[in-house]
Amino acid sequence: MTADDIAQSVQFMLDRRGNLTAVVVSPELWRQIVAALEEVEDRTLVQALQERIAAGPVASGALRWADVDQEWE
């Protein structure tokens, strides 16, 4: 969905003075927006961790699952 598609499918609520007071979107559009934001967040996290990932598990200080699995029960 493009920005133009989104702009065409939202409703803008104005007060008597013409000031924007609310934006109404369908539940489906809202789910798509949230999914897109989560995707951006995931990509940003991976980019931030690229150097650490490339260094490998030992150099990055990763923990072995066998050493911490009891803490997650």
Protein backbone atom coordinates (compact mmCIF):
# COMPACT_ATOMS: atom_id res chain seq x y z
CA MET A 1 0.00 0.00 0.00
CA THR A 2 1.42 3.38 -0.99
CA ALA A 3 1.16 6.65 0.89
CA ASP A 4 -1.38 7.82 -1.70
CA ASP A 5 -3.51 4.72 -1.08
CA ILE A 6 -3.42 5.39 2.63
CA ALA A 7 -4.30 9.06 2.19
CA GLN A 8 -7.31 8.09 0.09
CA SER A 9 -8.61 5.61 2.65
CA VAL A 10 -8.51 7.72 5.83
CA GLN A 11 -11.05 10.18 7.12
CA PHE A 12 -9.99 13.44 8.69
CA MET A 13 -12.11 15.02 11.41
CA LEU A 14 -12.05 18.80 11.77
CA ASP A 15 -13.39 21.10 14.45
CA ARG A 16 -15.47 24.22 13.70
CA ARG A 17 -12.34 26.24 13.03
CA GLY A 18 -11.01 23.71 10.53
CA ASN A 19 -8.34 22.33 12.84
CA LEU A 20 -7.57 18.64 12.46
CA THR A 21 -8.79 16.80 15.56
CA ALA A 22 -8.71 13.12 14.56
CA VAL A 23 -7.85 10.67 11.82
CA VAL A 24 -10.07 7.62 11.29
CA VAL A 25 -8.70 4.48 9.64
CA SER A 26 -10.27 1.09 9.09
CA PRO A 27 -9.16 -1.78 11.33
CA GLU A 28 -7.54 -3.49 8.34
CA LEU A 29 -5.54 -0.38 7.44
CA TRP A 30 -4.51 -0.02 11.09
CA ARG A 31 -3.22 -3.62 11.11
CA GLN A 32 -1.24 -2.92 7.93
CA ILE A 33 0.27 0.22 9.44
CA VAL A 34 1.26 -1.60 12.64
CA ALA A 35 2.78 -4.47 10.63
CA ALA A 36 4.79 -2.01 8.53
CA LEU A 37 6.05 -0.23 11.65
CA GLU A 38 7.04 -3.54 13.25
CA GLU A 39 8.94 -4.48 10.09
CA VAL A 40 10.84 -1.18 10.18
CA GLU A 41 11.59 -1.70 13.87
CA ASP A 42 12.91 -5.22 13.19
CA ARG A 43 15.12 -4.03 10.33
CA THR A 44 16.48 -1.19 12.45
CA LEU A 45 17.35 -3.61 15.26
CA VAL A 46 19.14 -5.99 12.90
CA GLN A 47 21.11 -3.11 11.34
CA ALA A 48 22.12 -1.89 14.79
CA LEU A 49 23.34 -5.37 15.71
CA GLN A 50 25.12 -6.19 12.43
CA GLU A 51 28.60 -5.55 13.81
CA ARG A 52 27.91 -7.67 16.89
CA ILE A 53 26.38 -10.46 14.79
CA ALA A 54 29.37 -10.43 12.43
CA ALA A 55 31.75 -10.73 15.38
CA GLY A 56 30.31 -14.13 16.23
CA PRO A 57 28.78 -15.54 19.39
CA VAL A 58 31.91 -15.63 21.55
CA ALA A 59 33.16 -12.13 20.72
CA SER A 60 29.67 -10.65 21.04
CA GLY A 61 29.14 -12.11 24.49
CA ALA A 62 26.25 -14.36 23.51
CA LEU A 63 25.05 -16.84 26.10
CA ARG A 64 24.64 -20.54 25.46
CA TRP A 65 21.04 -21.74 25.70
CA ALA A 66 22.13 -24.70 27.82
CA ASP A 67 23.52 -22.23 30.37
CA VAL A 68 20.37 -20.10 30.69
CA ASP A 69 17.40 -22.30 29.76
CA GLN A 70 16.50 -22.91 33.41
CA GLU A 71 15.99 -19.16 33.89
CA TRP A 72 13.21 -19.13 31.24
CA GLU A 73 10.91 -21.71 32.79
